[in-house]
Amino acid sequence: MTGLIPGPSRLLRAGMGTAALGLLLIYHSVDTVPADGSVPGQAAPPAATAPADAGAAGAAGAAVGPAPAAPVPAAAPLKRSKPTRLRIPQINVDAPFTELTLNPSGQLNAPPPEDKNLVGWYADGVSPGERGASVVAGHVDTSKGPAVFLLLSLMLPGNKVEVQRADGTVAVFAVDAVETFAKDAFPDQRVYGKTPDAQLRLITCGGTYDKKRKDYLDNVVVFAHLESSRPA
């Protein structure tokens, strides 16, 4: 892979500097692989099951556990501030941020593949904690082996995601859902569209690795909302 994230350049450019579409069409591809097409590191982690599956199981007569607790209301959005570090205790993520940029064609460049413990955000998009859908992207693996978002698909609703920010605050997000989408049927508007509050999207690759395409066939997306904030 070239290290670029495919996406309509017109839409990416239209979203620059606005909260209307967050980062628009960025993570349709996020991982780099060796030139021979082999799968780097270990096999891709299992894809997370979408919440709709649980409902289908219940309708089929399978045992259904207690109803989940009511979600914590969203906190008031924060002012814009650059993210500096991402922490997700449940999957042992503790990583610095890098700013993602556009190439001359309007495609978003992926995080540098040589650093396995690094996440990226589009600096002209919504910062984590601001009103809108802020998108954080990371590799599931690289040519050097497993990477920062290897276990992203294993997250569960209610898990916490902490984003340390340059203004001295920590934005705490609560996970609402973890879903897997085929890259050729990615729900752009749902992932990147307007939101009434501060939300977060964590995105990486998942599913089956296609050696011919040198890419994974799916994207794993974690949907979360701002639950609270505190001093760092």
Protein backbone atom coordinates (compact mmCIF):
# COMPACT_ATOMS: atom_id res chain seq x y z
CA MET A 1 0.00 0.00 0.00
CA THR A 2 1.11 3.55 -0.67
CA GLY A 3 0.32 4.96 2.77
CA LEU A 4 -2.53 7.09 1.42
CA ILE A 5 -6.09 6.78 2.59
CA PRO A 6 -8.48 6.64 -0.37
CA GLY A 7 -11.48 8.93 -0.44
CA PRO A 8 -13.13 11.44 -2.78
CA SER A 9 -10.76 14.39 -2.80
CA ARG A 10 -13.61 16.84 -3.43
CA LEU A 11 -15.32 15.83 -0.19
CA LEU A 12 -12.12 15.85 1.82
CA ARG A 13 -11.35 19.38 0.67
CA ALA A 14 -14.91 20.51 1.34
CA GLY A 15 -14.60 19.30 4.91
CA MET A 16 -11.42 21.15 5.75
CA GLY A 17 -11.84 23.51 8.69
CA THR A 18 -15.48 22.57 9.33
CA ALA A 19 -17.30 20.42 11.84
CA ALA A 20 -20.01 19.59 9.32
CA LEU A 21 -18.47 16.38 8.07
CA GLY A 22 -15.73 15.75 10.60
CA LEU A 23 -13.00 14.04 8.64
CA LEU A 24 -15.30 12.86 5.88
CA LEU A 25 -13.91 9.89 4.03
CA ILE A 26 -10.69 8.98 5.67
CA TYR A 27 -10.11 5.48 6.82
CA HIS A 28 -10.97 3.19 3.93
CA SER A 29 -7.42 1.89 4.16
CA VAL A 30 -4.97 2.28 7.00
CA ASP A 31 -2.38 -0.47 7.08
CA THR A 32 0.87 -1.05 5.26
CA VAL A 33 2.17 -4.47 4.25
CA PRO A 34 5.38 -5.94 2.83
CA ALA A 35 5.93 -5.68 -0.92
CA ASP A 36 5.41 -9.46 -1.31
CA GLY A 37 1.81 -9.15 -0.07
CA SER A 38 2.27 -11.31 3.01
CA VAL A 39 0.26 -10.48 6.10
CA PRO A 40 2.55 -8.67 8.54
CA GLY A 41 2.58 -9.64 12.20
CA GLN A 42 -0.13 -11.97 13.39
CA ALA A 43 -3.50 -12.56 11.80
CA ALA A 44 -6.03 -9.76 11.98
CA PRO A 45 -8.10 -9.78 15.19
CA PRO A 46 -11.67 -11.08 14.95
CA ALA A 47 -14.19 -8.52 13.76
CA ALA A 48 -16.46 -7.09 16.43
CA THR A 49 -20.09 -8.08 16.33
CA ALA A 50 -22.45 -5.21 15.67
CA PRO A 51 -25.09 -4.55 18.33
CA ALA A 52 -27.80 -5.59 15.86
CA ASP A 53 -26.59 -9.19 16.12
CA ALA A 54 -27.66 -9.39 19.75
CA GLY A 55 -31.16 -8.36 18.81
CA ALA A 56 -31.28 -10.98 16.09
CA ALA A 57 -30.19 -13.65 18.55
CA GLY A 58 -32.94 -12.67 20.94
CA ALA A 59 -35.54 -12.82 18.20
CA ALA A 60 -34.40 -16.33 17.36
CA GLY A 61 -35.00 -17.48 20.91
CA ALA A 62 -31.45 -17.37 22.22
CA ALA A 63 -30.92 -16.47 25.86
CA VAL A 64 -30.75 -12.76 26.40
CA GLY A 65 -28.97 -11.24 29.40
CA PRO A 66 -30.13 -8.31 31.52
CA ALA A 67 -30.91 -5.10 29.73
CA PRO A 68 -27.85 -2.81 29.61
CA ALA A 69 -27.74 0.19 31.89
CA ALA A 70 -28.94 3.47 30.45
CA PRO A 71 -26.06 5.30 28.72
CA VAL A 72 -24.49 8.23 30.53
CA PRO A 73 -25.69 11.52 28.99
CA ALA A 74 -23.24 13.33 26.77
CA ALA A 75 -21.18 16.06 28.38
CA ALA A 76 -21.09 19.60 27.04
CA PRO A 77 -18.60 19.99 24.16
CA LEU A 78 -15.16 21.39 24.94
CA LYS A 79 -13.28 24.14 23.17
CA ARG A 80 -10.91 23.19 20.40
CA SER A 81 -7.57 21.80 21.58
CA LYS A 82 -4.92 19.62 20.00
CA PRO A 83 -4.90 16.01 21.26
CA THR A 84 -1.59 14.82 22.64
CA ARG A 85 -2.12 11.27 23.90
CA LEU A 86 -4.69 8.47 23.59
CA ARG A 87 -5.28 5.97 26.39
CA ILE A 88 -7.59 2.95 26.23
CA PRO A 89 -6.93 0.78 29.32
CA GLN A 90 -9.07 -2.14 28.14
CA ILE A 91 -6.82 -2.85 25.14
CA ASN A 92 -3.55 -1.50 26.55
CA VAL A 93 -3.32 1.53 24.29
CA ASP A 94 -1.16 4.43 25.43
CA ALA A 95 -0.02 6.30 22.34
CA PRO A 96 0.94 9.79 21.19
CA PHE A 97 -0.85 11.61 18.38
CA THR A 98 0.44 12.78 15.05
CA GLU A 99 -1.33 15.19 12.71
CA LEU A 100 -2.61 13.70 9.47
CA THR A 101 -2.28 15.79 6.33
CA LEU A 102 -3.67 15.81 2.81
CA ASN A 103 -1.63 15.05 -0.27
CA PRO A 104 -1.95 17.23 -3.41
CA SER A 105 -4.79 15.01 -4.66
CA GLY A 106 -6.83 15.62 -1.54
CA GLN A 107 -6.27 12.17 -0.02
CA LEU A 108 -5.43 11.87 3.64
CA ASN A 109 -2.00 10.43 4.41
CA ALA A 110 -1.96 7.52 6.87
CA PRO A 111 0.12 7.64 10.07
CA PRO A 112 3.79 6.76 9.45
CA PRO A 113 4.04 2.94 9.30
CA GLU A 114 7.48 2.76 10.90
CA ASP A 115 6.00 3.70 14.31
CA LYS A 116 3.65 0.97 15.53
CA ASN A 117 2.52 2.92 18.62
CA LEU A 118 1.11 6.05 17.00
CA VAL A 119 -2.39 7.35 16.25
CA GLY A 120 -3.39 10.15 13.92
CA TRP A 121 -6.02 12.85 13.64
CA TYR A 122 -6.75 15.28 10.82
CA ALA A 123 -5.63 18.66 12.18
CA ASP A 124 -8.10 20.61 10.01
CA GLY A 125 -11.02 18.53 11.29
CA VAL A 126 -12.78 18.32 14.66
CA SER A 127 -10.51 17.92 17.67
CA PRO A 128 -11.50 15.28 20.25
CA GLY A 129 -13.97 16.89 22.67
CA GLU A 130 -15.28 19.51 20.24
CA ARG A 131 -18.84 19.33 18.96
CA GLY A 132 -18.92 16.99 16.00
CA ALA A 133 -17.43 13.63 15.07
CA SER A 134 -13.69 13.59 15.68
CA VAL A 135 -11.86 10.74 13.96
CA VAL A 136 -8.77 9.01 15.28
CA ALA A 137 -7.06 6.46 13.05
CA GLY A 138 -4.37 3.88 13.70
CA HIS A 139 -2.81 0.81 12.12
CA VAL A 140 -3.91 -2.67 13.12
CA ASP A 141 -0.50 -3.90 11.94
CA THR A 142 2.37 -2.81 9.73
CA SER A 143 5.31 -4.50 8.04
CA LYS A 144 6.97 -4.39 11.46
CA GLY A 145 4.22 -6.43 13.17
CA PRO A 146 1.14 -5.81 15.33
CA ALA A 147 0.35 -2.13 15.83
CA VAL A 148 -1.54 0.24 18.12
CA PHE A 149 -5.12 -0.72 17.13
CA LEU A 150 -4.57 -4.49 16.91
CA LEU A 151 -7.26 -5.16 19.54
CA LEU A 152 -9.65 -2.35 18.65
CA SER A 153 -12.38 -4.76 17.52
CA LEU A 154 -12.48 -6.28 21.01
CA MET A 155 -13.75 -3.12 22.69
CA LEU A 156 -17.22 -3.18 24.28
CA PRO A 157 -19.97 -0.63 24.91
CA GLY A 158 -19.23 1.21 28.14
CA ASN A 159 -15.45 1.00 27.76
CA LYS A 160 -13.67 4.31 28.29
CA VAL A 161 -11.38 6.17 25.90
CA GLU A 162 -9.25 9.00 27.28
CA VAL A 163 -7.77 11.76 25.13
CA GLN A 164 -5.23 14.03 26.78
CA ARG A 165 -5.30 17.50 25.22
CA ALA A 166 -2.85 20.38 24.90
CA ASP A 167 -5.08 22.66 27.01
CA GLY A 168 -4.46 20.53 30.09
CA THR A 169 -7.73 18.62 30.02
CA VAL A 170 -8.53 14.94 29.52
CA ALA A 171 -11.63 14.22 27.45
CA VAL A 172 -13.24 10.96 28.56
CA PHE A 173 -15.39 9.16 26.01
CA ALA A 174 -17.74 6.23 26.59
CA VAL A 175 -18.02 3.60 23.85
CA ASP A 176 -21.51 3.25 22.37
CA ALA A 177 -20.90 0.59 19.74
CA VAL A 178 -18.20 -1.33 17.88
CA GLU A 179 -19.03 -2.26 14.31
CA THR A 180 -17.33 -3.68 11.23
CA PHE A 181 -18.10 -2.46 7.71
CA ALA A 182 -16.98 -3.68 4.30
CA LYS A 183 -14.76 -1.04 2.74
CA ASP A 184 -16.81 -1.08 -0.44
CA ALA A 185 -19.98 -0.36 1.57
CA PHE A 186 -18.64 2.06 4.17
CA PRO A 187 -21.38 4.28 5.74
CA ASP A 188 -19.66 7.63 5.27
CA GLN A 189 -22.48 9.80 6.52
CA ARG A 190 -23.03 7.75 9.66
CA VAL A 191 -19.36 7.76 10.57
CA TYR A 192 -18.38 11.27 9.54
CA GLY A 193 -21.66 13.22 9.46
CA LYS A 194 -22.89 15.99 11.74
CA THR A 195 -23.55 15.22 15.41
CA PRO A 196 -25.34 17.36 18.01
CA ASP A 197 -22.69 16.69 20.65
CA ALA A 198 -19.02 15.75 20.97
CA GLN A 199 -18.38 12.29 19.57
CA LEU A 200 -15.37 10.17 18.70
CA ARG A 201 -14.67 7.60 16.01
CA LEU A 202 -11.75 5.20 16.31
CA ILE A 203 -11.01 3.49 13.01
CA THR A 204 -8.69 0.78 11.77
CA CYS A 205 -8.69 -2.11 9.30
CA GLY A 206 -10.21 -5.52 9.98
CA GLY A 207 -11.73 -8.62 8.49
CA THR A 208 -10.00 -10.74 5.87
CA TYR A 209 -6.67 -9.73 4.39
CA ASP A 210 -6.68 -9.77 0.58
CA LYS A 211 -3.19 -10.58 -0.71
CA LYS A 212 -3.99 -9.45 -4.24
CA ARG A 213 -5.23 -6.05 -3.09
CA LYS A 214 -2.64 -5.90 -0.31
CA ASP A 215 -5.33 -4.60 1.99
CA TYR A 216 -7.93 -5.69 4.51
CA LEU A 217 -11.49 -5.92 3.24
CA ASP A 218 -13.20 -4.26 6.21
CA ASN A 219 -12.95 -1.34 8.61
CA VAL A 220 -13.55 -1.57 12.34
CA VAL A 221 -15.22 1.54 13.77
CA VAL A 222 -15.67 2.38 17.44
CA PHE A 223 -18.46 4.91 18.09
CA ALA A 224 -18.17 6.88 21.36
CA HIS A 225 -19.51 10.06 22.96
CA LEU A 226 -17.94 12.58 25.35
CA GLU A 227 -18.92 11.51 28.86
CA SER A 228 -16.85 13.89 30.97
CA SER A 229 -13.63 15.86 31.20
CA ARG A 230 -11.09 16.52 33.93
CA PRO A 231 -7.75 18.23 34.48
CA ALA A 232 -4.81 16.20 33.23
